[in-house]
N, C-alpha and C. Protein backbone atom coordinates (compact mmCIF):
# COMPACT_ATOMS: atom_id res chain seq x y z
N ASN A 1 0.85 -1.19 0.00
CA ASN A 1 0.00 0.00 0.00
C ASN A 1 0.89 1.24 0.00
N ALA A 2 0.79 2.01 -1.05
CA ALA A 2 1.69 3.15 -1.23
C ALA A 2 1.47 4.24 -0.18
N SER A 3 0.26 4.32 0.37
CA SER A 3 -0.01 5.40 1.33
C SER A 3 0.61 5.14 2.69
N ILE A 4 0.97 3.89 3.00
CA ILE A 4 1.59 3.57 4.28
C ILE A 4 2.99 4.19 4.35
N ILE A 5 3.74 4.07 3.26
CA ILE A 5 5.07 4.70 3.17
C ILE A 5 5.18 5.35 1.80
N SER A 6 5.71 6.57 1.77
CA SER A 6 5.86 7.29 0.50
C SER A 6 7.10 8.17 0.57
N GLY A 7 7.45 8.75 -0.58
CA GLY A 7 8.54 9.71 -0.63
C GLY A 7 9.88 9.14 -0.21
N VAL A 8 10.16 7.89 -0.59
CA VAL A 8 11.41 7.25 -0.15
C VAL A 8 12.58 7.76 -0.99
N SER A 9 13.63 8.23 -0.32
CA SER A 9 14.85 8.65 -1.01
C SER A 9 16.00 8.58 -0.02
N ASN A 10 17.19 8.90 -0.49
CA ASN A 10 18.30 9.08 0.45
C ASN A 10 19.27 10.10 -0.14
N PHE A 11 19.93 10.82 0.75
CA PHE A 11 20.84 11.89 0.33
C PHE A 11 21.97 12.00 1.33
N PRO A 12 23.21 12.19 0.91
CA PRO A 12 23.61 12.10 -0.50
C PRO A 12 23.61 10.65 -0.99
N ASN A 13 23.51 10.50 -2.30
CA ASN A 13 23.55 9.17 -2.91
C ASN A 13 24.19 9.31 -4.29
N PRO A 14 25.38 8.72 -4.51
CA PRO A 14 26.14 7.93 -3.53
C PRO A 14 26.78 8.81 -2.46
N PHE A 15 27.29 8.16 -1.41
CA PHE A 15 27.98 8.90 -0.36
C PHE A 15 29.32 8.25 -0.06
N ASP A 16 30.24 9.06 0.49
CA ASP A 16 31.60 8.59 0.80
C ASP A 16 31.67 8.34 2.30
N SER A 17 31.65 7.05 2.68
CA SER A 17 31.59 6.69 4.10
C SER A 17 32.89 6.98 4.85
N ARG A 18 33.97 7.33 4.12
CA ARG A 18 35.24 7.62 4.82
C ARG A 18 35.27 9.05 5.36
N LYS A 19 34.40 9.90 4.85
CA LYS A 19 34.37 11.28 5.35
C LYS A 19 33.83 11.27 6.77
N GLY A 20 34.27 12.23 7.56
CA GLY A 20 33.84 12.28 8.95
C GLY A 20 32.49 12.93 9.13
N GLY A 21 31.91 12.70 10.28
CA GLY A 21 30.70 13.41 10.69
C GLY A 21 29.54 13.23 9.74
N GLU A 22 28.79 14.32 9.56
CA GLU A 22 27.57 14.25 8.75
C GLU A 22 27.88 14.00 7.28
N GLN A 23 29.09 14.40 6.82
CA GLN A 23 29.47 14.20 5.42
C GLN A 23 29.59 12.72 5.07
N GLY A 24 29.92 11.90 6.07
CA GLY A 24 30.15 10.49 5.83
C GLY A 24 28.93 9.61 6.04
N LYS A 25 27.75 10.23 6.02
CA LYS A 25 26.51 9.48 6.21
C LYS A 25 25.55 9.79 5.07
N THR A 26 24.67 8.83 4.80
CA THR A 26 23.52 9.13 3.95
C THR A 26 22.30 9.12 4.85
N ARG A 27 21.31 9.93 4.50
CA ARG A 27 20.07 9.97 5.27
C ARG A 27 18.97 9.32 4.46
N ILE A 28 18.44 8.22 4.97
CA ILE A 28 17.31 7.55 4.32
C ILE A 28 16.05 8.28 4.79
N THR A 29 15.30 8.78 3.83
CA THR A 29 14.15 9.64 4.11
C THR A 29 12.88 8.98 3.58
N TYR A 30 11.80 9.07 4.34
CA TYR A 30 10.51 8.57 3.90
C TYR A 30 9.42 9.20 4.75
N THR A 31 8.20 9.11 4.26
CA THR A 31 7.04 9.66 4.95
C THR A 31 6.09 8.52 5.31
N LEU A 32 5.66 8.49 6.56
CA LEU A 32 4.73 7.47 7.06
C LEU A 32 3.37 8.11 7.34
N ASN A 33 2.29 7.34 7.13
CA ASN A 33 0.96 7.91 7.42
C ASN A 33 0.54 7.70 8.86
N SER A 34 1.31 6.89 9.63
CA SER A 34 1.02 6.73 11.06
C SER A 34 2.30 6.28 11.76
N ASP A 35 2.35 6.43 13.09
CA ASP A 35 3.47 5.88 13.85
C ASP A 35 3.56 4.39 13.55
N SER A 36 4.73 3.91 13.22
CA SER A 36 4.88 2.54 12.74
C SER A 36 6.17 1.92 13.25
N ASP A 37 6.18 0.59 13.28
CA ASP A 37 7.37 -0.18 13.61
C ASP A 37 8.16 -0.35 12.32
N ILE A 38 9.41 0.11 12.31
CA ILE A 38 10.23 0.12 11.09
C ILE A 38 11.45 -0.77 11.26
N THR A 39 11.71 -1.57 10.24
CA THR A 39 12.96 -2.31 10.17
C THR A 39 13.60 -2.01 8.82
N ILE A 40 14.80 -1.43 8.87
CA ILE A 40 15.55 -1.16 7.64
C ILE A 40 16.68 -2.18 7.58
N THR A 41 16.69 -2.98 6.53
CA THR A 41 17.78 -3.94 6.33
C THR A 41 18.53 -3.53 5.07
N ILE A 42 19.85 -3.48 5.19
CA ILE A 42 20.69 -3.05 4.07
C ILE A 42 21.54 -4.23 3.64
N TYR A 43 21.44 -4.56 2.34
CA TYR A 43 22.13 -5.71 1.76
C TYR A 43 23.17 -5.25 0.76
N ASP A 44 24.26 -6.01 0.65
CA ASP A 44 25.25 -5.69 -0.38
C ASP A 44 24.80 -6.25 -1.73
N ALA A 45 25.62 -6.04 -2.77
CA ALA A 45 25.25 -6.43 -4.13
C ALA A 45 25.05 -7.94 -4.28
N LEU A 46 25.68 -8.73 -3.40
CA LEU A 46 25.53 -10.18 -3.46
C LEU A 46 24.36 -10.67 -2.61
N GLY A 47 23.68 -9.75 -1.93
CA GLY A 47 22.53 -10.13 -1.14
C GLY A 47 22.84 -10.45 0.31
N TYR A 48 24.08 -10.20 0.73
CA TYR A 48 24.43 -10.45 2.13
C TYR A 48 23.99 -9.28 3.00
N LEU A 49 23.46 -9.59 4.17
CA LEU A 49 23.00 -8.57 5.09
C LEU A 49 24.19 -7.79 5.64
N ALA A 50 24.14 -6.46 5.49
CA ALA A 50 25.21 -5.61 6.01
C ALA A 50 24.79 -4.93 7.31
N LYS A 51 23.56 -4.44 7.36
CA LYS A 51 23.15 -3.62 8.50
C LYS A 51 21.65 -3.74 8.73
N THR A 52 21.26 -3.79 9.99
CA THR A 52 19.86 -3.75 10.37
C THR A 52 19.64 -2.56 11.29
N ILE A 53 18.65 -1.74 10.97
CA ILE A 53 18.30 -0.58 11.79
C ILE A 53 16.83 -0.71 12.16
N GLY A 54 16.54 -0.68 13.45
CA GLY A 54 15.16 -0.75 13.90
C GLY A 54 14.72 0.58 14.48
N CYS A 55 13.48 0.97 14.19
CA CYS A 55 12.91 2.21 14.71
C CYS A 55 11.56 1.90 15.32
N ALA A 56 11.40 2.24 16.59
CA ALA A 56 10.15 1.98 17.30
C ALA A 56 9.08 2.99 16.89
N PRO A 57 7.80 2.60 16.96
CA PRO A 57 6.72 3.53 16.64
C PRO A 57 6.84 4.80 17.48
N GLY A 58 6.75 5.95 16.83
CA GLY A 58 6.79 7.23 17.53
C GLY A 58 8.19 7.79 17.72
N SER A 59 9.23 6.96 17.47
CA SER A 59 10.61 7.46 17.57
C SER A 59 11.05 7.97 16.20
N GLU A 60 12.20 8.64 16.13
CA GLU A 60 12.72 9.09 14.83
C GLU A 60 12.90 7.86 13.95
N GLY A 61 12.31 7.89 12.78
CA GLY A 61 12.32 6.74 11.88
C GLY A 61 11.00 5.99 11.91
N GLY A 62 10.24 6.15 12.98
CA GLY A 62 8.98 5.41 13.11
C GLY A 62 7.77 6.28 13.43
N ARG A 63 7.89 7.58 13.14
CA ARG A 63 6.77 8.46 13.48
C ARG A 63 6.01 8.90 12.23
N ALA A 64 4.75 9.23 12.43
CA ALA A 64 3.93 9.75 11.33
C ALA A 64 4.59 11.01 10.77
N GLY A 65 4.59 11.13 9.46
CA GLY A 65 5.22 12.27 8.80
C GLY A 65 6.57 11.88 8.24
N GLN A 66 7.41 12.89 8.02
CA GLN A 66 8.71 12.64 7.39
C GLN A 66 9.74 12.17 8.42
N ASN A 67 10.53 11.19 8.02
CA ASN A 67 11.56 10.61 8.88
C ASN A 67 12.90 10.65 8.18
N PHE A 68 13.97 10.77 8.98
CA PHE A 68 15.34 10.78 8.45
C PHE A 68 16.16 9.79 9.28
N VAL A 69 16.62 8.72 8.65
CA VAL A 69 17.40 7.71 9.36
C VAL A 69 18.80 7.69 8.76
N PRO A 70 19.83 8.03 9.56
CA PRO A 70 21.19 8.06 9.00
C PRO A 70 21.82 6.67 8.92
N TRP A 71 22.63 6.46 7.88
CA TRP A 71 23.48 5.26 7.81
C TRP A 71 24.88 5.73 7.46
N ALA A 72 25.84 5.37 8.30
CA ALA A 72 27.22 5.82 8.14
C ALA A 72 28.08 4.84 7.34
N GLY A 73 27.44 3.90 6.64
CA GLY A 73 28.20 2.98 5.80
C GLY A 73 28.96 1.94 6.60
N ARG A 74 28.42 1.60 7.77
CA ARG A 74 29.03 0.56 8.61
C ARG A 74 28.07 -0.60 8.75
N ASN A 75 28.66 -1.79 8.94
CA ASN A 75 27.82 -2.97 9.10
C ASN A 75 27.44 -3.15 10.57
N ASP A 76 26.75 -4.25 10.88
CA ASP A 76 26.29 -4.47 12.25
C ASP A 76 27.45 -4.65 13.23
N ALA A 77 28.64 -5.00 12.73
CA ALA A 77 29.81 -5.14 13.60
C ALA A 77 30.57 -3.82 13.75
N GLY A 78 30.08 -2.75 13.08
CA GLY A 78 30.73 -1.45 13.18
C GLY A 78 31.87 -1.24 12.21
N VAL A 79 32.02 -2.17 11.28
CA VAL A 79 33.12 -2.10 10.30
C VAL A 79 32.61 -1.41 9.03
N ALA A 80 33.44 -0.53 8.46
CA ALA A 80 33.06 0.15 7.23
C ALA A 80 32.82 -0.86 6.11
N VAL A 81 31.73 -0.69 5.38
CA VAL A 81 31.42 -1.60 4.28
C VAL A 81 32.28 -1.25 3.07
N SER A 82 32.37 -2.20 2.14
CA SER A 82 33.11 -1.98 0.89
C SER A 82 32.34 -1.00 0.01
N LYS A 83 33.07 -0.37 -0.92
CA LYS A 83 32.36 0.48 -1.86
C LYS A 83 31.51 -0.40 -2.78
N GLY A 84 30.46 0.19 -3.32
CA GLY A 84 29.60 -0.55 -4.22
C GLY A 84 28.14 -0.20 -4.01
N GLY A 85 27.28 -1.01 -4.59
CA GLY A 85 25.85 -0.77 -4.52
C GLY A 85 25.21 -1.56 -3.40
N TYR A 86 24.32 -0.94 -2.68
CA TYR A 86 23.60 -1.56 -1.57
C TYR A 86 22.10 -1.36 -1.77
N THR A 87 21.33 -2.26 -1.22
CA THR A 87 19.88 -2.18 -1.29
C THR A 87 19.33 -2.06 0.11
N ALA A 88 18.57 -1.01 0.36
CA ALA A 88 17.91 -0.83 1.66
C ALA A 88 16.46 -1.27 1.50
N ARG A 89 16.03 -2.19 2.35
CA ARG A 89 14.63 -2.63 2.37
C ARG A 89 13.99 -2.06 3.63
N ILE A 90 13.00 -1.22 3.46
CA ILE A 90 12.32 -0.57 4.58
C ILE A 90 11.00 -1.28 4.79
N LYS A 91 10.88 -1.99 5.91
CA LYS A 91 9.63 -2.70 6.23
C LYS A 91 8.86 -1.90 7.26
N VAL A 92 7.58 -1.70 6.98
CA VAL A 92 6.70 -0.89 7.82
C VAL A 92 5.58 -1.76 8.36
N LYS A 93 5.37 -1.70 9.68
CA LYS A 93 4.20 -2.33 10.29
C LYS A 93 3.50 -1.26 11.09
N GLY A 94 2.30 -0.86 10.64
CA GLY A 94 1.57 0.21 11.30
C GLY A 94 0.11 -0.13 11.44
N GLN A 95 -0.65 0.85 11.92
CA GLN A 95 -2.08 0.64 12.12
C GLN A 95 -2.78 0.35 10.80
N GLY A 96 -2.27 0.95 9.73
CA GLY A 96 -2.91 0.78 8.42
C GLY A 96 -2.49 -0.48 7.69
N GLY A 97 -1.65 -1.31 8.32
CA GLY A 97 -1.19 -2.53 7.67
C GLY A 97 0.32 -2.53 7.52
N SER A 98 0.81 -3.36 6.61
CA SER A 98 2.25 -3.47 6.38
C SER A 98 2.57 -3.09 4.96
N ALA A 99 3.80 -2.65 4.78
CA ALA A 99 4.28 -2.31 3.45
C ALA A 99 5.80 -2.39 3.47
N GLN A 100 6.39 -2.39 2.29
CA GLN A 100 7.84 -2.26 2.24
C GLN A 100 8.23 -1.46 1.03
N ALA A 101 9.38 -0.82 1.15
CA ALA A 101 9.92 -0.03 0.06
C ALA A 101 11.38 -0.41 -0.10
N ILE A 102 11.88 -0.29 -1.32
CA ILE A 102 13.27 -0.63 -1.64
C ILE A 102 13.97 0.64 -2.12
N ARG A 103 15.20 0.83 -1.67
CA ARG A 103 15.99 1.99 -2.11
C ARG A 103 17.41 1.54 -2.39
N LYS A 104 17.95 1.92 -3.56
CA LYS A 104 19.34 1.62 -3.89
C LYS A 104 20.25 2.71 -3.36
N ILE A 105 21.35 2.30 -2.72
CA ILE A 105 22.29 3.25 -2.12
C ILE A 105 23.69 2.92 -2.63
N GLY A 106 24.39 3.95 -3.07
CA GLY A 106 25.77 3.77 -3.54
C GLY A 106 26.77 4.24 -2.49
N VAL A 107 27.79 3.42 -2.25
CA VAL A 107 28.88 3.79 -1.34
C VAL A 107 30.15 3.95 -2.18
N ILE A 108 30.77 5.14 -2.09
CA ILE A 108 31.99 5.40 -2.83
C ILE A 108 33.12 5.70 -1.86
N HIS A 109 34.33 5.42 -2.27
CA HIS A 109 35.50 5.72 -1.43
C HIS A 109 36.47 6.54 -2.26
C-alpha cells in the first residue's frame, strides 16, 4: 500500500563513508501515514546482510510524517562496508497494515 510509506529517497547518494561526521553518512528519508514499527535492512550487491536498523513507533524513523534515518556505511559489527551498490529494504508495520519499500544506495571511497 503506497499510502503507508511514501517519498522514499536518500541523500547524499552515492555517499563517501570515509568522510567524517555528517558528510560520511547518507540519510534515508521517507514519509509514514502513522506511527509505525520500522525495520531497515541493508544488503550488499551479493545479497548479504550488512546492516539492520530498527525504529520503534513514535521514535525518529517510526513516526507519522517525514523521517530521516542516518546510515554511516558501517555494518552491524561497526566495520566500514566496501564500496559498491547496496539495497535498503524498509519494512513498515503500522495501524494501516504493512508495506515495504526498496531503495538503492551507492557507497563510494
